[in-house]
């Protein structure tokens, strides 16, 4: 009986340790339209699937590339609002060790409260110092402006949601897409599901630690008020200030070419590709 009790406790601890970095997105499928995740065509060799959690609440999902130290994509529900936030940059504890907190934490908190060394943190993922004087912005995949609460906005300021982005693109053309095009395209949508991603490039910052994406892309799918479905997409080269607005089908073809695979599927088949 004692052995069985210890086994149950051990299994419970393992389950709780998988609260954020998970083996699949089963516990945060609500951020994907019809609970369908992108196929494996974009999955890197060393993936981490993260149900992004702050204050014990999930806000979006991220597929993270542990080798290149950038997210492959982040998936979320588009809920914009006019809010002012004071953000704090965080990292993902369970990329360091699976039994650490499922909630994103600051580097200071991990060092002072959890006694994690700075080297362990740096080895596991990108940190703020990687971007210092790099000439590249810390570009959100899932932008804070697409969320309607303080916690959901603060949750986007995790380094597992950030890629090196060409500053002009981040501050002008891509910002216009996030703020203006998304607002226009989502008119008449009941719920808009979004996946924003980055295609790995051939260069990096911080002594080859953090990959610089060659392209930034976004796809969206929604059910409209008259029970139809609408979808759209965008892609930008990460060295120019230009965003191309395209169909979802065109984006999937472009991503297949960029990744050198036959097909890419980002959303449920009901989302229109044309």
C-alpha atoms as a PDB file:
ATOM      1  CA  UNK A   1       0.000   0.000   0.000  1.00  0.00           C
ATOM      2  CA  UNK A   2       2.804   2.415   0.856  1.00  0.00           C
ATOM      3  CA  UNK A   3       4.508   1.666  -2.450  1.00  0.00           C
ATOM      4  CA  UNK A   4       1.246   2.340  -4.339  1.00  0.00           C
ATOM      5  CA  UNK A   5       0.713   5.612  -2.474  1.00  0.00           C
ATOM      6  CA  UNK A   6       4.248   6.775  -3.291  1.00  0.00           C
ATOM      7  CA  UNK A   7       3.713   5.858  -6.931  1.00  0.00           C
ATOM      8  CA  UNK A   8       0.515   7.929  -7.065  1.00  0.00           C
ATOM      9  CA  UNK A   9       2.259  10.934  -5.485  1.00  0.00           C
ATOM     10  CA  UNK A  10       5.173  10.626  -7.927  1.00  0.00           C
ATOM     11  CA  UNK A  11       2.814  10.469 -10.915  1.00  0.00           C
ATOM     12  CA  UNK A  12       0.898  13.495  -9.635  1.00  0.00           C
ATOM     13  CA  UNK A  13       4.093  15.524  -9.368  1.00  0.00           C
ATOM     14  CA  UNK A  14       5.043  14.636 -12.916  1.00  0.00           C
ATOM     15  CA  UNK A  15       1.645  15.745 -14.211  1.00  0.00           C
ATOM     16  CA  UNK A  16       1.771  19.067 -12.369  1.00  0.00           C
ATOM     17  CA  UNK A  17       5.248  19.696 -13.741  1.00  0.00           C
ATOM     18  CA  UNK A  18       3.834  19.607 -17.269  1.00  0.00           C
ATOM     19  CA  UNK A  19       1.521  22.578 -16.671  1.00  0.00           C
ATOM     20  CA  UNK A  20       3.102  24.799 -19.304  1.00  0.00           C
ATOM     21  CA  UNK A  21       5.758  23.028 -21.369  1.00  0.00           C
ATOM     22  CA  UNK A  22       3.764  20.060 -22.641  1.00  0.00           C
ATOM     23  CA  UNK A  23       4.238  17.060 -24.895  1.00  0.00           C
ATOM     24  CA  UNK A  24       1.224  18.145 -26.972  1.00  0.00           C
ATOM     25  CA  UNK A  25      -1.173  21.104 -27.088  1.00  0.00           C
ATOM     26  CA  UNK A  26      -4.043  19.007 -25.708  1.00  0.00           C
ATOM     27  CA  UNK A  27      -4.390  21.209 -22.624  1.00  0.00           C
ATOM     28  CA  UNK A  28      -4.594  24.495 -24.592  1.00  0.00           C
ATOM     29  CA  UNK A  29      -6.390  23.581 -27.820  1.00  0.00           C
ATOM     30  CA  UNK A  30      -8.835  26.438 -27.219  1.00  0.00           C
ATOM     31  CA  UNK A  31      -6.418  28.773 -29.027  1.00  0.00           C
ATOM     32  CA  UNK A  32      -6.676  26.807 -32.292  1.00  0.00           C
ATOM     33  CA  UNK A  33      -9.725  26.966 -34.562  1.00  0.00           C
ATOM     34  CA  UNK A  34     -11.777  23.786 -34.142  1.00  0.00           C
ATOM     35  CA  UNK A  35      -8.926  22.522 -31.894  1.00  0.00           C
ATOM     36  CA  UNK A  36      -6.827  21.751 -35.001  1.00  0.00           C
ATOM     37  CA  UNK A  37      -3.131  22.597 -34.739  1.00  0.00           C
ATOM     38  CA  UNK A  38      -0.757  23.166 -37.692  1.00  0.00           C
ATOM     39  CA  UNK A  39       0.638  19.950 -39.132  1.00  0.00           C
ATOM     40  CA  UNK A  40       4.168  18.779 -38.390  1.00  0.00           C
ATOM     41  CA  UNK A  41       5.732  20.428 -41.440  1.00  0.00           C
ATOM     42  CA  UNK A  42       6.943  23.379 -39.346  1.00  0.00           C
ATOM     43  CA  UNK A  43       8.054  21.384 -36.289  1.00  0.00           C
ATOM     44  CA  UNK A  44      11.777  21.894 -35.548  1.00  0.00           C
ATOM     45  CA  UNK A  45      14.218  19.190 -34.474  1.00  0.00           C
ATOM     46  CA  UNK A  46      14.138  20.329 -30.834  1.00  0.00           C
ATOM     47  CA  UNK A  47      10.599  21.578 -30.216  1.00  0.00           C
ATOM     48  CA  UNK A  48       8.958  22.777 -27.028  1.00  0.00           C
ATOM     49  CA  UNK A  49       5.183  23.116 -26.912  1.00  0.00           C
ATOM     50  CA  UNK A  50       4.175  25.817 -24.460  1.00  0.00           C
ATOM     51  CA  UNK A  51       0.743  26.611 -23.079  1.00  0.00           C
ATOM     52  CA  UNK A  52       1.680  30.165 -22.142  1.00  0.00           C
ATOM     53  CA  UNK A  53       0.584  30.653 -18.535  1.00  0.00           C
ATOM     54  CA  UNK A  54       0.586  33.675 -16.234  1.00  0.00           C
ATOM     55  CA  UNK A  55      -0.978  33.755 -12.761  1.00  0.00           C
ATOM     56  CA  UNK A  56      -2.238  30.207 -13.339  1.00  0.00           C
ATOM     57  CA  UNK A  57      -4.230  31.185 -16.438  1.00  0.00           C
ATOM     58  CA  UNK A  58      -3.469  30.154 -20.024  1.00  0.00           C
ATOM     59  CA  UNK A  59      -3.443  32.929 -22.622  1.00  0.00           C
ATOM     60  CA  UNK A  60      -1.976  31.474 -25.826  1.00  0.00           C
ATOM     61  CA  UNK A  61       0.067  28.589 -27.236  1.00  0.00           C
ATOM     62  CA  UNK A  62       3.604  28.628 -28.656  1.00  0.00           C
ATOM     63  CA  UNK A  63       5.707  26.144 -30.566  1.00  0.00           C
ATOM     64  CA  UNK A  64       9.280  27.022 -29.575  1.00  0.00           C
ATOM     65  CA  UNK A  65      12.538  26.030 -31.257  1.00  0.00           C
ATOM     66  CA  UNK A  66      14.975  25.236 -28.437  1.00  0.00           C
ATOM     67  CA  UNK A  67      17.955  25.077 -30.769  1.00  0.00           C
ATOM     68  CA  UNK A  68      17.374  28.390 -32.564  1.00  0.00           C
ATOM     69  CA  UNK A  69      15.900  30.030 -29.440  1.00  0.00           C
ATOM     70  CA  UNK A  70      12.945  31.560 -31.260  1.00  0.00           C
ATOM     71  CA  UNK A  71       9.259  30.654 -31.468  1.00  0.00           C
ATOM     72  CA  UNK A  72       8.097  28.865 -34.612  1.00  0.00           C
ATOM     73  CA  UNK A  73       4.600  30.255 -34.091  1.00  0.00           C
ATOM     74  CA  UNK A  74       2.211  31.539 -31.448  1.00  0.00           C
ATOM     75  CA  UNK A  75      -1.546  30.860 -31.599  1.00  0.00           C
ATOM     76  CA  UNK A  76      -4.136  33.034 -29.885  1.00  0.00           C
ATOM     77  CA  UNK A  77      -7.633  34.508 -30.056  1.00  0.00           C
ATOM     78  CA  UNK A  78      -7.856  38.085 -31.325  1.00  0.00           C
ATOM     79  CA  UNK A  79      -9.501  40.280 -28.653  1.00  0.00           C
ATOM     80  CA  UNK A  80      -8.192  43.851 -29.053  1.00  0.00           C
ATOM     81  CA  UNK A  81      -8.851  46.607 -26.523  1.00  0.00           C
ATOM     82  CA  UNK A  82      -7.535  50.019 -25.572  1.00  0.00           C
ATOM     83  CA  UNK A  83      -5.439  49.471 -22.462  1.00  0.00           C
ATOM     84  CA  UNK A  84      -2.253  50.874 -20.988  1.00  0.00           C
ATOM     85  CA  UNK A  85       0.110  48.285 -19.546  1.00  0.00           C
ATOM     86  CA  UNK A  86       3.394  48.276 -17.670  1.00  0.00           C
ATOM     87  CA  UNK A  87       5.046  45.113 -18.863  1.00  0.00           C
ATOM     88  CA  UNK A  88       7.798  42.986 -17.362  1.00  0.00           C
ATOM     89  CA  UNK A  89       9.889  40.651 -19.504  1.00  0.00           C
ATOM     90  CA  UNK A  90       9.700  37.002 -18.490  1.00  0.00           C
ATOM     91  CA  UNK A  91      11.116  33.607 -19.470  1.00  0.00           C
ATOM     92  CA  UNK A  92       9.784  30.050 -19.379  1.00  0.00           C
ATOM     93  CA  UNK A  93      10.830  28.132 -16.225  1.00  0.00           C
ATOM     94  CA  UNK A  94       9.989  24.680 -17.548  1.00  0.00           C
ATOM     95  CA  UNK A  95      12.442  25.045 -20.410  1.00  0.00           C
ATOM     96  CA  UNK A  96      15.072  24.953 -17.669  1.00  0.00           C
ATOM     97  CA  UNK A  97      13.638  22.117 -15.612  1.00  0.00           C
ATOM     98  CA  UNK A  98      10.264  20.387 -15.927  1.00  0.00           C
ATOM     99  CA  UNK A  99       9.419  20.595 -12.219  1.00  0.00           C
ATOM    100  CA  UNK A 100       9.717  24.386 -12.046  1.00  0.00           C
ATOM    101  CA  UNK A 101       6.680  26.686 -12.050  1.00  0.00           C
ATOM    102  CA  UNK A 102       4.265  26.478 -14.962  1.00  0.00           C
ATOM    103  CA  UNK A 103       3.890  30.272 -14.765  1.00  0.00           C
ATOM    104  CA  UNK A 104       6.258  32.494 -16.710  1.00  0.00           C
ATOM    105  CA  UNK A 105       8.744  34.222 -14.390  1.00  0.00           C
ATOM    106  CA  UNK A 106      11.305  36.994 -14.482  1.00  0.00           C
ATOM    107  CA  UNK A 107      14.977  36.078 -14.484  1.00  0.00           C
ATOM    108  CA  UNK A 108      15.327  37.783 -11.101  1.00  0.00           C
ATOM    109  CA  UNK A 109      12.550  35.665  -9.595  1.00  0.00           C
ATOM    110  CA  UNK A 110      14.079  32.452 -10.918  1.00  0.00           C
ATOM    111  CA  UNK A 111      17.442  33.376  -9.452  1.00  0.00           C
ATOM    112  CA  UNK A 112      16.266  34.674  -6.077  1.00  0.00           C
ATOM    113  CA  UNK A 113      13.261  32.496  -5.265  1.00  0.00           C
ATOM    114  CA  UNK A 114      13.991  29.299  -7.193  1.00  0.00           C
ATOM    115  CA  UNK A 115      17.810  29.447  -6.939  1.00  0.00           C
ATOM    116  CA  UNK A 116      18.304  28.861 -10.661  1.00  0.00           C
ATOM    117  CA  UNK A 117      21.670  30.019 -11.951  1.00  0.00           C
ATOM    118  CA  UNK A 118      21.804  32.606 -14.714  1.00  0.00           C
ATOM    119  CA  UNK A 119      23.803  30.141 -16.823  1.00  0.00           C
ATOM    120  CA  UNK A 120      20.997  27.564 -16.616  1.00  0.00           C
ATOM    121  CA  UNK A 121      18.515  30.188 -17.782  1.00  0.00           C
ATOM    122  CA  UNK A 122      20.738  31.346 -20.644  1.00  0.00           C
ATOM    123  CA  UNK A 123      21.398  27.779 -21.766  1.00  0.00           C
ATOM    124  CA  UNK A 124      17.681  27.003 -22.000  1.00  0.00           C
ATOM    125  CA  UNK A 125      16.325  29.947 -24.021  1.00  0.00           C
ATOM    126  CA  UNK A 126      16.780  33.518 -25.248  1.00  0.00           C
ATOM    127  CA  UNK A 127      17.088  36.256 -22.637  1.00  0.00           C
ATOM    128  CA  UNK A 128      16.913  40.046 -22.813  1.00  0.00           C
ATOM    129  CA  UNK A 129      20.678  40.519 -22.998  1.00  0.00           C
ATOM    130  CA  UNK A 130      20.705  38.625 -26.319  1.00  0.00           C
ATOM    131  CA  UNK A 131      18.979  41.612 -27.921  1.00  0.00           C
ATOM    132  CA  UNK A 132      21.091  44.388 -26.378  1.00  0.00           C
ATOM    133  CA  UNK A 133      22.843  46.446 -29.061  1.00  0.00           C
ATOM    134  CA  UNK A 134      21.978  43.833 -31.654  1.00  0.00           C
ATOM    135  CA  UNK A 135      20.301  46.300 -33.991  1.00  0.00           C
ATOM    136  CA  UNK A 136      17.142  44.163 -33.973  1.00  0.00           C
ATOM    137  CA  UNK A 137      13.840  44.759 -32.187  1.00  0.00           C
ATOM    138  CA  UNK A 138      12.303  42.280 -29.797  1.00  0.00           C
ATOM    139  CA  UNK A 139       9.383  41.552 -32.115  1.00  0.00           C
ATOM    140  CA  UNK A 140       6.211  39.999 -30.720  1.00  0.00           C
ATOM    141  CA  UNK A 141       4.585  37.203 -32.658  1.00  0.00           C
ATOM    142  CA  UNK A 142       1.493  37.427 -30.476  1.00  0.00           C
ATOM    143  CA  UNK A 143       1.177  41.215 -29.936  1.00  0.00           C
ATOM    144  CA  UNK A 144      -0.008  42.649 -26.635  1.00  0.00           C
ATOM    145  CA  UNK A 145      -2.446  44.972 -28.456  1.00  0.00           C
ATOM    146  CA  UNK A 146      -4.528  41.989 -29.567  1.00  0.00           C
ATOM    147  CA  UNK A 147      -5.659  41.265 -26.007  1.00  0.00           C
ATOM    148  CA  UNK A 148      -8.292  42.715 -23.709  1.00  0.00           C
ATOM    149  CA  UNK A 149      -6.968  42.284 -20.161  1.00  0.00           C
ATOM    150  CA  UNK A 150      -3.869  43.312 -18.264  1.00  0.00           C
ATOM    151  CA  UNK A 151      -2.796  39.733 -17.608  1.00  0.00           C
ATOM    152  CA  UNK A 152      -3.324  38.604 -21.201  1.00  0.00           C
ATOM    153  CA  UNK A 153      -1.283  41.558 -22.443  1.00  0.00           C
ATOM    154  CA  UNK A 154       1.480  41.023 -19.914  1.00  0.00           C
ATOM    155  CA  UNK A 155       1.648  37.354 -20.892  1.00  0.00           C
ATOM    156  CA  UNK A 156       2.838  38.304 -24.388  1.00  0.00           C
ATOM    157  CA  UNK A 157       6.049  39.778 -22.937  1.00  0.00           C
ATOM    158  CA  UNK A 158       7.755  36.422 -22.615  1.00  0.00           C
ATOM    159  CA  UNK A 159      10.966  35.849 -24.570  1.00  0.00           C
ATOM    160  CA  UNK A 160       9.457  32.604 -25.920  1.00  0.00           C
ATOM    161  CA  UNK A 161       7.043  34.813 -27.917  1.00  0.00           C
ATOM    162  CA  UNK A 162       9.789  37.073 -29.307  1.00  0.00           C
ATOM    163  CA  UNK A 163      11.983  37.033 -32.435  1.00  0.00           C
ATOM    164  CA  UNK A 164      14.648  39.438 -33.724  1.00  0.00           C
ATOM    165  CA  UNK A 165      12.652  41.705 -36.052  1.00  0.00           C
ATOM    166  CA  UNK A 166      13.851  44.346 -38.500  1.00  0.00           C
ATOM    167  CA  UNK A 167      13.140  47.580 -36.561  1.00  0.00           C
ATOM    168  CA  UNK A 168      11.406  49.492 -39.365  1.00  0.00           C
ATOM    169  CA  UNK A 169       9.199  46.512 -40.206  1.00  0.00           C
ATOM    170  CA  UNK A 170       8.284  46.014 -36.552  1.00  0.00           C
ATOM    171  CA  UNK A 171       7.469  49.679 -35.952  1.00  0.00           C
ATOM    172  CA  UNK A 172       5.803  50.594 -39.246  1.00  0.00           C
ATOM    173  CA  UNK A 173       4.486  48.081 -41.788  1.00  0.00           C
ATOM    174  CA  UNK A 174       3.942  45.097 -39.447  1.00  0.00           C
ATOM    175  CA  UNK A 175       2.483  47.393 -36.781  1.00  0.00           C
ATOM    176  CA  UNK A 176       0.043  48.734 -39.389  1.00  0.00           C
ATOM    177  CA  UNK A 177      -0.955  45.177 -40.218  1.00  0.00           C
ATOM    178  CA  UNK A 178      -1.495  44.323 -36.545  1.00  0.00           C
ATOM    179  CA  UNK A 179      -3.481  47.464 -35.753  1.00  0.00           C
ATOM    180  CA  UNK A 180      -5.289  48.421 -38.961  1.00  0.00           C
ATOM    181  CA  UNK A 181      -5.518  45.447 -41.314  1.00  0.00           C
ATOM    182  CA  UNK A 182      -6.472  42.994 -38.575  1.00  0.00           C
ATOM    183  CA  UNK A 183      -9.179  45.363 -37.349  1.00  0.00           C
ATOM    184  CA  UNK A 184     -10.593  45.756 -40.858  1.00  0.00           C
ATOM    185  CA  UNK A 185     -10.400  42.080 -41.812  1.00  0.00           C
ATOM    186  CA  UNK A 186     -12.042  40.867 -38.591  1.00  0.00           C
ATOM    187  CA  UNK A 187     -15.180  42.969 -38.975  1.00  0.00           C
ATOM    188  CA  UNK A 188     -18.181  40.657 -38.816  1.00  0.00           C
ATOM    189  CA  UNK A 189     -16.202  37.893 -37.080  1.00  0.00           C
ATOM    190  CA  UNK A 190     -17.580  36.323 -33.926  1.00  0.00           C
ATOM    191  CA  UNK A 191     -14.232  34.835 -32.869  1.00  0.00           C
ATOM    192  CA  UNK A 192     -10.977  35.274 -34.747  1.00  0.00           C
ATOM    193  CA  UNK A 193      -8.234  32.657 -34.368  1.00  0.00           C
ATOM    194  CA  UNK A 194      -4.723  33.775 -35.250  1.00  0.00           C
ATOM    195  CA  UNK A 195      -1.396  32.020 -35.769  1.00  0.00           C
ATOM    196  CA  UNK A 196       1.698  34.206 -36.214  1.00  0.00           C
ATOM    197  CA  UNK A 197       5.051  32.665 -37.060  1.00  0.00           C
ATOM    198  CA  UNK A 198       8.656  33.168 -38.101  1.00  0.00           C
ATOM    199  CA  UNK A 199      10.663  31.301 -40.733  1.00  0.00           C
ATOM    200  CA  UNK A 200      14.238  30.630 -39.519  1.00  0.00           C
ATOM    201  CA  UNK A 201      16.936  32.482 -41.410  1.00  0.00           C
ATOM    202  CA  UNK A 202      20.643  31.967 -42.057  1.00  0.00           C
ATOM    203  CA  UNK A 203      22.038  34.448 -39.525  1.00  0.00           C
ATOM    204  CA  UNK A 204      21.774  35.132 -35.823  1.00  0.00           C
ATOM    205  CA  UNK A 205      22.486  37.548 -32.998  1.00  0.00           C
ATOM    206  CA  UNK A 206      24.287  37.190 -29.693  1.00  0.00           C
ATOM    207  CA  UNK A 207      27.179  35.006 -30.916  1.00  0.00           C
ATOM    208  CA  UNK A 208      24.951  32.645 -32.867  1.00  0.00           C
ATOM    209  CA  UNK A 209      22.572  32.092 -29.947  1.00  0.00           C
ATOM    210  CA  UNK A 210      19.328  33.515 -31.393  1.00  0.00           C
ATOM    211  CA  UNK A 211      18.272  32.964 -34.993  1.00  0.00           C
ATOM    212  CA  UNK A 212      17.154  35.925 -37.131  1.00  0.00           C
ATOM    213  CA  UNK A 213      14.035  34.890 -39.076  1.00  0.00           C
ATOM    214  CA  UNK A 214      13.978  35.416 -42.819  1.00  0.00           C
ATOM    215  CA  UNK A 215      10.214  36.014 -42.843  1.00  0.00           C
ATOM    216  CA  UNK A 216       7.407  36.929 -40.450  1.00  0.00           C
ATOM    217  CA  UNK A 217       3.927  35.633 -41.259  1.00  0.00           C
ATOM    218  CA  UNK A 218       0.383  35.639 -39.927  1.00  0.00           C
ATOM    219  CA  UNK A 219      -2.764  33.666 -40.681  1.00  0.00           C
ATOM    220  CA  UNK A 220      -6.289  34.176 -39.349  1.00  0.00           C
ATOM    221  CA  UNK A 221      -9.574  32.282 -39.534  1.00  0.00           C
ATOM    222  CA  UNK A 222     -12.976  33.169 -38.117  1.00  0.00           C
ATOM    223  CA  UNK A 223     -16.650  32.317 -38.178  1.00  0.00           C
ATOM    224  CA  UNK A 224     -18.653  35.325 -39.308  1.00  0.00           C
ATOM    225  CA  UNK A 225     -21.940  36.576 -37.891  1.00  0.00           C
ATOM    226  CA  UNK A 226     -23.872  34.846 -40.693  1.00  0.00           C
ATOM    227  CA  UNK A 227     -22.209  31.484 -39.952  1.00  0.00           C
ATOM    228  CA  UNK A 228     -19.815  31.665 -42.873  1.00  0.00           C
ATOM    229  CA  UNK A 229     -16.045  31.439 -42.537  1.00  0.00           C
ATOM    230  CA  UNK A 230     -13.445  34.000 -43.422  1.00  0.00           C
ATOM    231  CA  UNK A 231      -9.658  33.710 -43.599  1.00  0.00           C
ATOM    232  CA  UNK A 232      -6.707  35.877 -44.587  1.00  0.00           C
ATOM    233  CA  UNK A 233      -2.937  35.993 -44.213  1.00  0.00           C
ATOM    234  CA  UNK A 234       0.155  38.175 -44.424  1.00  0.00           C
ATOM    235  CA  UNK A 235       3.883  37.677 -44.909  1.00  0.00           C
ATOM    236  CA  UNK A 236       6.893  39.972 -44.780  1.00  0.00           C
ATOM    237  CA  UNK A 237      10.597  39.606 -45.465  1.00  0.00           C
ATOM    238  CA  UNK A 238      12.426  40.402 -42.248  1.00  0.00           C
ATOM    239  CA  UNK A 239      14.735  42.969 -43.864  1.00  0.00           C
ATOM    240  CA  UNK A 240      12.143  45.158 -45.590  1.00  0.00           C
ATOM    241  CA  UNK A 241       9.315  47.461 -44.548  1.00  0.00           C
ATOM    242  CA  UNK A 242       6.617  45.751 -46.593  1.00  0.00           C
ATOM    243  CA  UNK A 243       3.787  43.368 -45.713  1.00  0.00           C
ATOM    244  CA  UNK A 244       2.001  41.384 -48.414  1.00  0.00           C
ATOM    245  CA  UNK A 245      -1.668  40.657 -47.692  1.00  0.00           C
ATOM    246  CA  UNK A 246      -2.523  37.287 -49.248  1.00  0.00           C
ATOM    247  CA  UNK A 247      -4.954  34.398 -48.937  1.00  0.00           C
ATOM    248  CA  UNK A 248      -4.486  31.624 -46.403  1.00  0.00           C
ATOM    249  CA  UNK A 249      -3.842  29.189 -49.234  1.00  0.00           C
ATOM    250  CA  UNK A 250      -1.144  31.415 -50.692  1.00  0.00           C
ATOM    251  CA  UNK A 251       0.559  31.640 -47.294  1.00  0.00           C
ATOM    252  CA  UNK A 252       0.602  27.866 -46.906  1.00  0.00           C
ATOM    253  CA  UNK A 253       2.168  27.479 -50.364  1.00  0.00           C
ATOM    254  CA  UNK A 254       4.812  30.110 -49.569  1.00  0.00           C
ATOM    255  CA  UNK A 255       5.652  28.446 -46.261  1.00  0.00           C
ATOM    256  CA  UNK A 256       5.954  25.050 -47.952  1.00  0.00           C
ATOM    257  CA  UNK A 257       8.449  26.543 -50.391  1.00  0.00           C
ATOM    258  CA  UNK A 258      10.409  28.337 -47.655  1.00  0.00           C
ATOM    259  CA  UNK A 259      10.605  25.204 -45.503  1.00  0.00           C
ATOM    260  CA  UNK A 260      11.302  22.909 -48.447  1.00  0.00           C
ATOM    261  CA  UNK A 261       8.332  20.639 -47.774  1.00  0.00           C
ATOM    262  CA  UNK A 262       5.490  19.443 -49.964  1.00  0.00           C
ATOM    263  CA  UNK A 263       2.555  20.858 -47.995  1.00  0.00           C
ATOM    264  CA  UNK A 264       1.811  23.087 -45.000  1.00  0.00           C
ATOM    265  CA  UNK A 265      -1.583  23.210 -43.292  1.00  0.00           C
ATOM    266  CA  UNK A 266      -2.109  25.844 -40.604  1.00  0.00           C
ATOM    267  CA  UNK A 267      -5.853  25.638 -39.877  1.00  0.00           C
ATOM    268  CA  UNK A 268      -8.849  23.344 -39.956  1.00  0.00           C
ATOM    269  CA  UNK A 269      -9.974  22.433 -43.486  1.00  0.00           C
ATOM    270  CA  UNK A 270     -13.135  24.552 -43.090  1.00  0.00           C
ATOM    271  CA  UNK A 271     -11.066  27.746 -43.199  1.00  0.00           C
ATOM    272  CA  UNK A 272     -11.186  29.038 -46.800  1.00  0.00           C
ATOM    273  CA  UNK A 273      -7.879  28.934 -48.662  1.00  0.00           C
ATOM    274  CA  UNK A 274      -8.934  31.307 -51.462  1.00  0.00           C
END
